[in-house]
PDB file of all heavy atoms in Angstrom:
ATOM      1  N   SER A   1      18.170   1.552  19.067  1.00  0.00           N
ATOM      2  CA  SER A   1      17.056   1.478  20.014  1.00  0.00           C
ATOM      3  C   SER A   1      16.387   0.105  19.988  1.00  0.00           C
ATOM      4  O   SER A   1      16.301  -0.543  18.949  1.00  0.00           O
ATOM      5  CB  SER A   1      16.017   2.552  19.685  1.00  0.00           C
ATOM      6  OG  SER A   1      14.843   2.373  20.451  1.00  0.00           O
ATOM      7  N   ALA A   2      15.887  -0.307  21.151  1.00  0.00           N
ATOM      8  CA  ALA A   2      15.123  -1.552  21.237  1.00  0.00           C
ATOM      9  C   ALA A   2      13.806  -1.448  20.475  1.00  0.00           C
ATOM     10  O   ALA A   2      13.154  -2.456  20.197  1.00  0.00           O
ATOM     11  CB  ALA A   2      14.846  -1.877  22.704  1.00  0.00           C
ATOM     12  N   ARG A   3      13.418  -0.235  20.116  1.00  0.00           N
ATOM     13  CA  ARG A   3      12.158   0.004  19.401  1.00  0.00           C
ATOM     14  C   ARG A   3      12.275  -0.197  17.885  1.00  0.00           C
ATOM     15  O   ARG A   3      11.254  -0.193  17.191  1.00  0.00           O
ATOM     16  CB  ARG A   3      11.704   1.438  19.637  1.00  0.00           C
ATOM     17  CG  ARG A   3      11.294   1.767  21.069  1.00  0.00           C
ATOM     18  CD  ARG A   3       9.891   1.342  21.341  1.00  0.00           C
ATOM     19  NE  ARG A   3       9.291   2.021  22.473  1.00  0.00           N
ATOM     20  CZ  ARG A   3       8.096   1.750  22.942  1.00  0.00           C
ATOM     21  NH1 ARG A   3       7.360   0.813  22.359  1.00  0.00           N
ATOM     22  NH2 ARG A   3       7.601   2.399  23.974  1.00  0.00           N
ATOM     23  N   VAL A   4      13.475  -0.345  17.365  1.00  0.00           N
ATOM     24  CA  VAL A   4      13.681  -0.398  15.906  1.00  0.00           C
ATOM     25  C   VAL A   4      12.911  -1.550  15.263  1.00  0.00           C
ATOM     26  O   VAL A   4      12.261  -1.379  14.222  1.00  0.00           O
ATOM     27  CB  VAL A   4      15.186  -0.460  15.552  1.00  0.00           C
ATOM     28  CG1 VAL A   4      15.385  -0.820  14.075  1.00  0.00           C
ATOM     29  CG2 VAL A   4      15.853   0.884  15.852  1.00  0.00           C
ATOM     30  N   GLY A   5      12.966  -2.734  15.878  1.00  0.00           N
ATOM     31  CA  GLY A   5      12.242  -3.890  15.327  1.00  0.00           C
ATOM     32  C   GLY A   5      10.751  -3.639  15.254  1.00  0.00           C
ATOM     33  O   GLY A   5      10.101  -3.953  14.252  1.00  0.00           O
ATOM     34  N   GLU A   6      10.223  -3.044  16.309  1.00  0.00           N
ATOM     35  CA  GLU A   6       8.801  -2.723  16.350  1.00  0.00           C
ATOM     36  C   GLU A   6       8.453  -1.691  15.277  1.00  0.00           C
ATOM     37  O   GLU A   6       7.411  -1.794  14.613  1.00  0.00           O
ATOM     38  CB  GLU A   6       8.450  -2.171  17.734  1.00  0.00           C
ATOM     39  CG  GLU A   6       6.974  -1.978  17.975  1.00  0.00           C
ATOM     40  CD  GLU A   6       6.676  -1.495  19.387  1.00  0.00           C
ATOM     41  OE1 GLU A   6       7.604  -1.491  20.227  1.00  0.00           O
ATOM     42  OE2 GLU A   6       5.524  -1.107  19.627  1.00  0.00           O
ATOM     43  N   CYS A   7       9.339  -0.700  15.110  1.00  0.00           N
ATOM     44  CA  CYS A   7       9.125   0.323  14.071  1.00  0.00           C
ATOM     45  C   CYS A   7       9.043  -0.323  12.691  1.00  0.00           C
ATOM     46  O   CYS A   7       8.166   0.012  11.884  1.00  0.00           O
ATOM     47  CB  CYS A   7      10.258   1.354  14.081  1.00  0.00           C
ATOM     48  SG  CYS A   7      10.229   2.461  15.493  1.00  0.00           S
ATOM     49  N   ASN A   8       9.945  -1.247  12.415  1.00  0.00           N
ATOM     50  CA  ASN A   8       9.956  -1.909  11.104  1.00  0.00           C
ATOM     51  C   ASN A   8       8.681  -2.707  10.859  1.00  0.00           C
ATOM     52  O   ASN A   8       8.136  -2.710   9.752  1.00  0.00           O
ATOM     53  CB  ASN A   8      11.183  -2.822  10.982  1.00  0.00           C
ATOM     54  CG  ASN A   8      12.457  -2.039  10.703  1.00  0.00           C
ATOM     55  OD1 ASN A   8      12.446  -1.054   9.966  1.00  0.00           O
ATOM     56  ND2 ASN A   8      13.554  -2.447  11.313  1.00  0.00           N
ATOM     57  N   LYS A   9       8.164  -3.360  11.896  1.00  0.00           N
ATOM     58  CA  LYS A   9       6.915  -4.114  11.762  1.00  0.00           C
ATOM     59  C   LYS A   9       5.741  -3.186  11.456  1.00  0.00           C
ATOM     60  O   LYS A   9       4.901  -3.476  10.589  1.00  0.00           O
ATOM     61  CB  LYS A   9       6.632  -4.905  13.045  1.00  0.00           C
ATOM     62  CG  LYS A   9       7.515  -6.124  13.230  1.00  0.00           C
ATOM     63  CD  LYS A   9       7.195  -6.834  14.539  1.00  0.00           C
ATOM     64  CE  LYS A   9       8.158  -8.008  14.766  1.00  0.00           C
ATOM     65  NZ  LYS A   9       7.913  -8.650  16.078  1.00  0.00           N
ATOM     66  N   LEU A  10       5.685  -2.071  12.174  1.00  0.00           N
ATOM     67  CA  LEU A  10       4.594  -1.119  11.960  1.00  0.00           C
ATOM     68  C   LEU A  10       4.706  -0.450  10.588  1.00  0.00           C
ATOM     69  O   LEU A  10       3.696  -0.177   9.934  1.00  0.00           O
ATOM     70  CB  LEU A  10       4.588  -0.069  13.073  1.00  0.00           C
ATOM     71  CG  LEU A  10       4.254  -0.604  14.472  1.00  0.00           C
ATOM     72  CD1 LEU A  10       4.407   0.480  15.523  1.00  0.00           C
ATOM     73  CD2 LEU A  10       2.846  -1.184  14.516  1.00  0.00           C
ATOM     74  N   MET A  11       5.942  -0.220  10.150  1.00  0.00           N
ATOM     75  CA  MET A  11       6.154   0.350   8.817  1.00  0.00           C
ATOM     76  C   MET A  11       5.677  -0.615   7.734  1.00  0.00           C
ATOM     77  O   MET A  11       5.130  -0.190   6.710  1.00  0.00           O
ATOM     78  CB  MET A  11       7.622   0.712   8.616  1.00  0.00           C
ATOM     79  CG  MET A  11       8.061   1.939   9.416  1.00  0.00           C
ATOM     80  SD  MET A  11       9.839   2.232   9.344  1.00  0.00           S
ATOM     81  CE  MET A  11       9.988   3.005   7.732  1.00  0.00           C
ATOM     82  N   ASP A  12       5.865  -1.909   7.948  1.00  0.00           N
ATOM     83  CA  ASP A  12       5.380  -2.907   6.991  1.00  0.00           C
ATOM     84  C   ASP A  12       3.856  -2.844   6.871  1.00  0.00           C
ATOM     85  O   ASP A  12       3.301  -2.929   5.775  1.00  0.00           O
ATOM     86  CB  ASP A  12       5.793  -4.321   7.424  1.00  0.00           C
ATOM     87  CG  ASP A  12       7.265  -4.604   7.163  1.00  0.00           C
ATOM     88  OD1 ASP A  12       7.878  -3.860   6.358  1.00  0.00           O
ATOM     89  OD2 ASP A  12       7.808  -5.551   7.766  1.00  0.00           O
ATOM     90  N   VAL A  13       3.186  -2.680   8.005  1.00  0.00           N
ATOM     91  CA  VAL A  13       1.717  -2.565   8.005  1.00  0.00           C
ATOM     92  C   VAL A  13       1.287  -1.332   7.212  1.00  0.00           C
ATOM     93  O   VAL A  13       0.350  -1.385   6.403  1.00  0.00           O
ATOM     94  CB  VAL A  13       1.181  -2.476   9.454  1.00  0.00           C
ATOM     95  CG1 VAL A  13      -0.315  -2.180   9.461  1.00  0.00           C
ATOM     96  CG2 VAL A  13       1.462  -3.770  10.209  1.00  0.00           C
ATOM     97  N   LEU A  14       1.981  -0.228   7.437  1.00  0.00           N
ATOM     98  CA  LEU A  14       1.651   1.027   6.745  1.00  0.00           C
ATOM     99  C   LEU A  14       1.909   0.922   5.244  1.00  0.00           C
ATOM    100  O   LEU A  14       1.101   1.387   4.432  1.00  0.00           O
ATOM    101  CB  LEU A  14       2.463   2.174   7.341  1.00  0.00           C
ATOM    102  CG  LEU A  14       2.138   2.532   8.795  1.00  0.00           C
ATOM    103  CD1 LEU A  14       3.221   3.440   9.376  1.00  0.00           C
ATOM    104  CD2 LEU A  14       0.779   3.192   8.913  1.00  0.00           C
ATOM    105  N   ARG A  15       3.031   0.302   4.886  1.00  0.00           N
ATOM    106  CA  ARG A  15       3.347   0.140   3.453  1.00  0.00           C
ATOM    107  C   ARG A  15       2.304  -0.729   2.764  1.00  0.00           C
ATOM    108  O   ARG A  15       1.910  -0.460   1.625  1.00  0.00           O
ATOM    109  CB  ARG A  15       4.741  -0.474   3.289  1.00  0.00           C
ATOM    110  CG  ARG A  15       5.883   0.481   3.605  1.00  0.00           C
ATOM    111  CD  ARG A  15       7.214  -0.087   3.148  1.00  0.00           C
ATOM    112  NE  ARG A  15       8.330   0.641   3.711  1.00  0.00           N
ATOM    113  CZ  ARG A  15       9.032   0.242   4.775  1.00  0.00           C
ATOM    114  NH1 ARG A  15       8.740  -0.898   5.375  1.00  0.00           N
ATOM    115  NH2 ARG A  15      10.037   0.976   5.232  1.00  0.00           N
ATOM    116  N   GLN A  16       1.867  -1.781   3.441  1.00  0.00           N
ATOM    117  CA  GLN A  16       0.834  -2.651   2.862  1.00  0.00           C
ATOM    118  C   GLN A  16      -0.452  -1.880   2.610  1.00  0.00           C
ATOM    119  O   GLN A  16      -1.159  -2.110   1.620  1.00  0.00           O
ATOM    120  CB  GLN A  16       0.571  -3.838   3.789  1.00  0.00           C
ATOM    121  CG  GLN A  16       1.674  -4.885   3.747  1.00  0.00           C
ATOM    122  CD  GLN A  16       1.472  -6.004   4.746  1.00  0.00           C
ATOM    123  OE1 GLN A  16       0.400  -6.124   5.343  1.00  0.00           O
ATOM    124  NE2 GLN A  16       2.495  -6.821   4.944  1.00  0.00           N
ATOM    125  N   LYS A  17      -0.736  -0.935   3.483  1.00  0.00           N
ATOM    126  CA  LYS A  17      -1.926  -0.097   3.306  1.00  0.00           C
ATOM    127  C   LYS A  17      -1.770   0.776   2.059  1.00  0.00           C
ATOM    128  O   LYS A  17      -2.712   0.915   1.262  1.00  0.00           O
ATOM    129  CB  LYS A  17      -2.125   0.771   4.549  1.00  0.00           C
ATOM    130  CG  LYS A  17      -3.477   1.450   4.604  1.00  0.00           C
ATOM    131  CD  LYS A  17      -3.649   2.245   5.899  1.00  0.00           C
ATOM    132  CE  LYS A  17      -3.951   1.364   7.073  1.00  0.00           C
ATOM    133  NZ  LYS A  17      -4.363   2.155   8.270  1.00  0.00           N
ATOM    134  N   LEU A  18      -0.581   1.352   1.874  1.00  0.00           N
ATOM    135  CA  LEU A  18      -0.338   2.182   0.694  1.00  0.00           C
ATOM    136  C   LEU A  18      -0.337   1.345  -0.582  1.00  0.00           C
ATOM    137  O   LEU A  18      -0.819   1.788  -1.625  1.00  0.00           O
ATOM    138  CB  LEU A  18       0.989   2.933   0.830  1.00  0.00           C
ATOM    139  CG  LEU A  18       1.044   4.009   1.919  1.00  0.00           C
ATOM    140  CD1 LEU A  18       2.423   4.656   1.953  1.00  0.00           C
ATOM    141  CD2 LEU A  18      -0.027   5.082   1.710  1.00  0.00           C
ATOM    142  N   GLU A  19       0.197   0.124  -0.483  1.00  0.00           N
ATOM    143  CA  GLU A  19       0.164  -0.793  -1.631  1.00  0.00           C
ATOM    144  C   GLU A  19      -1.283  -1.084  -2.027  1.00  0.00           C
ATOM    145  O   GLU A  19      -1.636  -1.061  -3.211  1.00  0.00           O
ATOM    146  CB  GLU A  19       0.858  -2.114  -1.276  1.00  0.00           C
ATOM    147  CG  GLU A  19       2.365  -2.021  -1.124  1.00  0.00           C
ATOM    148  CD  GLU A  19       2.936  -3.299  -0.516  1.00  0.00           C
ATOM    149  OE1 GLU A  19       2.243  -4.347  -0.573  1.00  0.00           O
ATOM    150  OE2 GLU A  19       4.047  -3.250   0.025  1.00  0.00           O
ATOM    151  N   SER A  20      -2.098  -1.389  -1.035  1.00  0.00           N
ATOM    152  CA  SER A  20      -3.514  -1.687  -1.297  1.00  0.00           C
ATOM    153  C   SER A  20      -4.211  -0.492  -1.929  1.00  0.00           C
ATOM    154  O   SER A  20      -5.016  -0.639  -2.853  1.00  0.00           O
ATOM    155  CB  SER A  20      -4.224  -2.065   0.006  1.00  0.00           C
ATOM    156  OG  SER A  20      -3.714  -3.267   0.513  1.00  0.00           O
ATOM    157  N   LYS A  21      -3.889   0.691  -1.428  1.00  0.00           N
ATOM    158  CA  LYS A  21      -4.478   1.926  -1.965  1.00  0.00           C
ATOM    159  C   LYS A  21      -4.110   2.086  -3.442  1.00  0.00           C
ATOM    160  O   LYS A  21      -4.960   2.387  -4.286  1.00  0.00           O
ATOM    161  CB  LYS A  21      -3.969   3.122  -1.160  1.00  0.00           C
ATOM    162  CG  LYS A  21      -4.510   4.473  -1.594  1.00  0.00           C
ATOM    163  CD  LYS A  21      -5.872   4.733  -1.024  1.00  0.00           C
ATOM    164  CE  LYS A  21      -6.324   6.147  -1.295  1.00  0.00           C
ATOM    165  NZ  LYS A  21      -7.704   6.388  -0.817  1.00  0.00           N
ATOM    166  N   ALA A  22      -2.822   1.887  -3.758  1.00  0.00           N
ATOM    167  CA  ALA A  22      -2.349   2.026  -5.136  1.00  0.00           C
ATOM    168  C   ALA A  22      -2.956   0.958  -6.039  1.00  0.00           C
ATOM    169  O   ALA A  22      -3.359   1.239  -7.174  1.00  0.00           O
ATOM    170  CB  ALA A  22      -0.825   1.950  -5.176  1.00  0.00           C
ATOM    171  N   PHE A  23      -3.039  -0.277  -5.534  1.00  0.00           N
ATOM    172  CA  PHE A  23      -3.617  -1.359  -6.344  1.00  0.00           C
ATOM    173  C   PHE A  23      -5.095  -1.086  -6.624  1.00  0.00           C
ATOM    174  O   PHE A  23      -5.574  -1.274  -7.739  1.00  0.00           O
ATOM    175  CB  PHE A  23      -3.450  -2.704  -5.640  1.00  0.00           C
ATOM    176  CG  PHE A  23      -3.937  -3.863  -6.451  1.00  0.00           C
ATOM    177  CD1 PHE A  23      -3.179  -4.365  -7.499  1.00  0.00           C
ATOM    178  CD2 PHE A  23      -5.169  -4.449  -6.189  1.00  0.00           C
ATOM    179  CE1 PHE A  23      -3.630  -5.423  -8.269  1.00  0.00           C
ATOM    180  CE2 PHE A  23      -5.640  -5.506  -6.947  1.00  0.00           C
ATOM    181  CZ  PHE A  23      -4.864  -5.998  -7.994  1.00  0.00           C
ATOM    182  N   ARG A  24      -5.804  -0.631  -5.613  1.00  0.00           N
ATOM    183  CA  ARG A  24      -7.225  -0.302  -5.792  1.00  0.00           C
ATOM    184  C   ARG A  24      -7.409   0.817  -6.818  1.00  0.00           C
ATOM    185  O   ARG A  24      -8.364   0.796  -7.603  1.00  0.00           O
ATOM    186  CB  ARG A  24      -7.835   0.131  -4.453  1.00  0.00           C
ATOM    187  CG  ARG A  24      -8.075  -1.002  -3.480  1.00  0.00           C
ATOM    188  CD  ARG A  24      -8.836  -0.494  -2.262  1.00  0.00           C
ATOM    189  NE  ARG A  24      -9.013  -1.519  -1.260  1.00  0.00           N
ATOM    190  CZ  ARG A  24      -9.834  -1.391  -0.217  1.00  0.00           C
ATOM    191  NH1 ARG A  24     -10.527  -0.280  -0.048  1.00  0.00           N
ATOM    192  NH2 ARG A  24      -9.948  -2.358   0.669  1.00  0.00           N
ATOM    193  N   ALA A  25      -6.484   1.789  -6.792  1.00  0.00           N
ATOM    194  CA  ALA A  25      -6.561   2.891  -7.764  1.00  0.00           C
ATOM    195  C   ALA A  25      -6.382   2.357  -9.179  1.00  0.00           C
ATOM    196  O   ALA A  25      -7.117   2.740 -10.107  1.00  0.00           O
ATOM    197  CB  ALA A  25      -5.501   3.936  -7.453  1.00  0.00           C
ATOM    198  N   GLY A  26      -5.409   1.429  -9.344  1.00  0.00           N
ATOM    199  CA  GLY A  26      -5.198   0.814 -10.657  1.00  0.00           C
ATOM    200  C   GLY A  26      -6.418   0.037 -11.113  1.00  0.00           C
ATOM    201  O   GLY A  26      -6.835   0.129 -12.280  1.00  0.00           O
ATOM    202  N   MET A  27      -7.031  -0.704 -10.196  1.00  0.00           N
ATOM    203  CA  MET A  27      -8.221  -1.482 -10.535  1.00  0.00           C
ATOM    204  C   MET A  27      -9.395  -0.570 -10.889  1.00  0.00           C
ATOM    205  O   MET A  27     -10.189  -0.884 -11.786  1.00  0.00           O
ATOM    206  CB  MET A  27      -8.613  -2.388  -9.356  1.00  0.00           C
ATOM    207  CG  MET A  27      -7.698  -3.573  -9.154  1.00  0.00           C
ATOM    208  SD  MET A  27      -7.521  -4.652 -10.598  1.00  0.00           S
ATOM    209  CE  MET A  27      -9.212  -5.157 -10.891  1.00  0.00           C
ATOM    210  N   LEU A  28      -9.493   0.548 -10.218  1.00  0.00           N
ATOM    211  CA  LEU A  28     -10.569   1.495 -10.517  1.00  0.00           C
ATOM    212  C   LEU A  28     -10.424   2.039 -11.939  1.00  0.00           C
ATOM    213  O   LEU A  28     -11.397   2.083 -12.703  1.00  0.00           O
ATOM    214  CB  LEU A  28     -10.564   2.640  -9.498  1.00  0.00           C
ATOM    215  CG  LEU A  28     -11.663   3.700  -9.676  1.00  0.00           C
ATOM    216  CD1 LEU A  28     -13.049   3.071  -9.523  1.00  0.00           C
ATOM    217  CD2 LEU A  28     -11.475   4.830  -8.665  1.00  0.00           C
ATOM    218  N   TYR A  29      -9.191   2.436 -12.296  1.00  0.00           N
ATOM    219  CA  TYR A  29      -8.938   2.914 -13.663  1.00  0.00           C
ATOM    220  C   TYR A  29      -9.269   1.816 -14.677  1.00  0.00           C
ATOM    221  O   TYR A  29      -9.870   2.079 -15.723  1.00  0.00           O
ATOM    222  CB  TYR A  29      -7.477   3.327 -13.827  1.00  0.00           C
ATOM    223  CG  TYR A  29      -7.123   4.651 -13.210  1.00  0.00           C
ATOM    224  CD1 TYR A  29      -6.022   4.778 -12.358  1.00  0.00           C
ATOM    225  CD2 TYR A  29      -7.869   5.807 -13.483  1.00  0.00           C
ATOM    226  CE1 TYR A  29      -5.677   5.992 -11.794  1.00  0.00           C
ATOM    227  CE2 TYR A  29      -7.530   7.028 -12.920  1.00  0.00           C
ATOM    228  CZ  TYR A  29      -6.435   7.115 -12.080  1.00  0.00           C
ATOM    229  OH  TYR A  29      -6.098   8.318 -11.530  1.00  0.00           O
ATOM    230  N   TYR A  30      -8.860   0.587 -14.337  1.00  0.00           N
ATOM    231  CA  TYR A  30      -9.088  -0.543 -15.250  1.00  0.00           C
ATOM    232  C   TYR A  30     -10.580  -0.762 -15.488  1.00  0.00           C
ATOM    233  O   TYR A  30     -11.030  -0.909 -16.626  1.00  0.00           O
ATOM    234  CB  TYR A  30      -8.439  -1.798 -14.662  1.00  0.00           C
ATOM    235  CG  TYR A  30      -8.592  -3.025 -15.517  1.00  0.00           C
ATOM    236  CD1 TYR A  30      -7.721  -3.256 -16.580  1.00  0.00           C
ATOM    237  CD2 TYR A  30      -9.601  -3.949 -15.264  1.00  0.00           C
ATOM    238  CE1 TYR A  30      -7.855  -4.385 -17.373  1.00  0.00           C
ATOM    239  CE2 TYR A  30      -9.750  -5.082 -16.047  1.00  0.00           C
ATOM    240  CZ  TYR A  30      -8.876  -5.288 -17.101  1.00  0.00           C
ATOM    241  OH  TYR A  30      -9.021  -6.405 -17.887  1.00  0.00           O
ATOM    242  N   ARG A  31     -11.352  -0.761 -14.414  1.00  0.00           N
ATOM    243  CA  ARG A  31     -12.799  -0.997 -14.538  1.00  0.00           C
ATOM    244  C   ARG A  31     -13.511   0.150 -15.252  1.00  0.00           C
ATOM    245  O   ARG A  31     -14.553  -0.057 -15.876  1.00  0.00           O
ATOM    246  CB  ARG A  31     -13.403  -1.203 -13.151  1.00  0.00           C
ATOM    247  CG  ARG A  31     -12.975  -2.524 -12.504  1.00  0.00           C
ATOM    248  CD  ARG A  31     -13.590  -2.709 -11.136  1.00  0.00           C
ATOM    249  NE  ARG A  31     -13.061  -3.910 -10.492  1.00  0.00           N
ATOM    250  CZ  ARG A  31     -12.501  -3.925  -9.287  1.00  0.00           C
ATOM    251  NH1 ARG A  31     -12.387  -2.810  -8.584  1.00  0.00           N
ATOM    252  NH2 ARG A  31     -12.044  -5.056  -8.785  1.00  0.00           N
ATOM    253  N   MET A  32     -12.941   1.342 -15.159  1.00  0.00           N
ATOM    254  CA  MET A  32     -13.527   2.503 -15.828  1.00  0.00           C
ATOM    255  C   MET A  32     -13.135   2.572 -17.306  1.00  0.00           C
ATOM    256  O   MET A  32     -13.601   3.442 -18.041  1.00  0.00           O
ATOM    257  CB  MET A  32     -13.080   3.792 -15.126  1.00  0.00           C
ATOM    258  CG  MET A  32     -13.673   3.981 -13.733  1.00  0.00           C
ATOM    259  SD  MET A  32     -12.902   5.367 -12.847  1.00  0.00           S
ATOM    260  CE  MET A  32     -13.449   6.742 -13.857  1.00  0.00           C
ATOM    261  N   GLY A  33     -12.264   1.646 -17.727  1.00  0.00           N
ATOM    262  CA  GLY A  33     -11.817   1.648 -19.120  1.00  0.00           C
ATOM    263  C   GLY A  33     -10.721   2.652 -19.400  1.00  0.00           C
ATOM    264  O   GLY A  33     -10.415   2.940 -20.561  1.00  0.00           O
ATOM    265  N   LYS A  34     -10.088   3.166 -18.336  1.00  0.00           N
ATOM    266  CA  LYS A  34      -8.966   4.096 -18.506  1.00  0.00           C
ATOM    267  C   LYS A  34      -7.679   3.269 -18.438  1.00  0.00           C
ATOM    268  O   LYS A  34      -6.954   3.267 -17.441  1.00  0.00           O
ATOM    269  CB  LYS A  34      -8.998   5.182 -17.428  1.00  0.00           C
ATOM    270  CG  LYS A  34     -10.241   6.058 -17.512  1.00  0.00           C
ATOM    271  CD  LYS A  34     -10.202   7.187 -16.491  1.00  0.00           C
ATOM    272  CE  LYS A  34     -11.413   8.103 -16.655  1.00  0.00           C
ATOM    273  NZ  LYS A  34     -11.387   9.238 -15.706  1.00  0.00           N
ATOM    274  N   TYR A  35      -7.418   2.572 -19.548  1.00  0.00           N
ATOM    275  CA  TYR A  35      -6.405   1.519 -19.537  1.00  0.00           C
ATOM    276  C   TYR A  35      -4.969   2.052 -19.429  1.00  0.00           C
ATOM    277  O   TYR A  35      -4.129   1.429 -18.773  1.00  0.00           O
ATOM    278  CB  TYR A  35      -6.566   0.625 -20.770  1.00  0.00           C
ATOM    279  CG  TYR A  35      -7.912  -0.047 -20.802  1.00  0.00           C
ATOM    280  CD1 TYR A  35      -8.824   0.201 -21.832  1.00  0.00           C
ATOM    281  CD2 TYR A  35      -8.298  -0.923 -19.787  1.00  0.00           C
ATOM    282  CE1 TYR A  35     -10.068  -0.406 -21.853  1.00  0.00           C
ATOM    283  CE2 TYR A  35      -9.545  -1.529 -19.808  1.00  0.00           C
ATOM    284  CZ  TYR A  35     -10.427  -1.265 -20.835  1.00  0.00           C
ATOM    285  OH  TYR A  35     -11.664  -1.857 -20.840  1.00  0.00           O
ATOM    286  N   ARG A  36      -4.704   3.189 -20.051  1.00  0.00           N
ATOM    287  CA  ARG A  36      -3.358   3.750 -19.927  1.00  0.00           C
ATOM    288  C   ARG A  36      -3.082   4.143 -18.475  1.00  0.00           C
ATOM    289  O   ARG A  36      -2.004   3.845 -17.935  1.00  0.00           O
ATOM    290  CB  ARG A  36      -3.198   4.976 -20.835  1.00  0.00           C
ATOM    291  CG  ARG A  36      -1.807   5.605 -20.767  1.00  0.00           C
ATOM    292  CD  ARG A  36      -1.654   6.741 -21.770  1.00  0.00           C
ATOM    293  NE  ARG A  36      -0.326   7.335 -21.707  1.00  0.00           N
ATOM    294  CZ  ARG A  36       0.017   8.311 -20.856  1.00  0.00           C
ATOM    295  NH1 ARG A  36      -0.890   8.791 -19.995  1.00  0.00           N
ATOM    296  NH2 ARG A  36       1.239   8.795 -20.855  1.00  0.00           N
TER     297      ARG A  36
END
């Protein structure tokens, strides 16, 4: 499909959002002293 390239771009945006969510979760644990 001609839409495949567009799908991949939008998927990159979505993945970056999930990455940010996961990184923020790690930082929250870190700041709370829950190091493990």
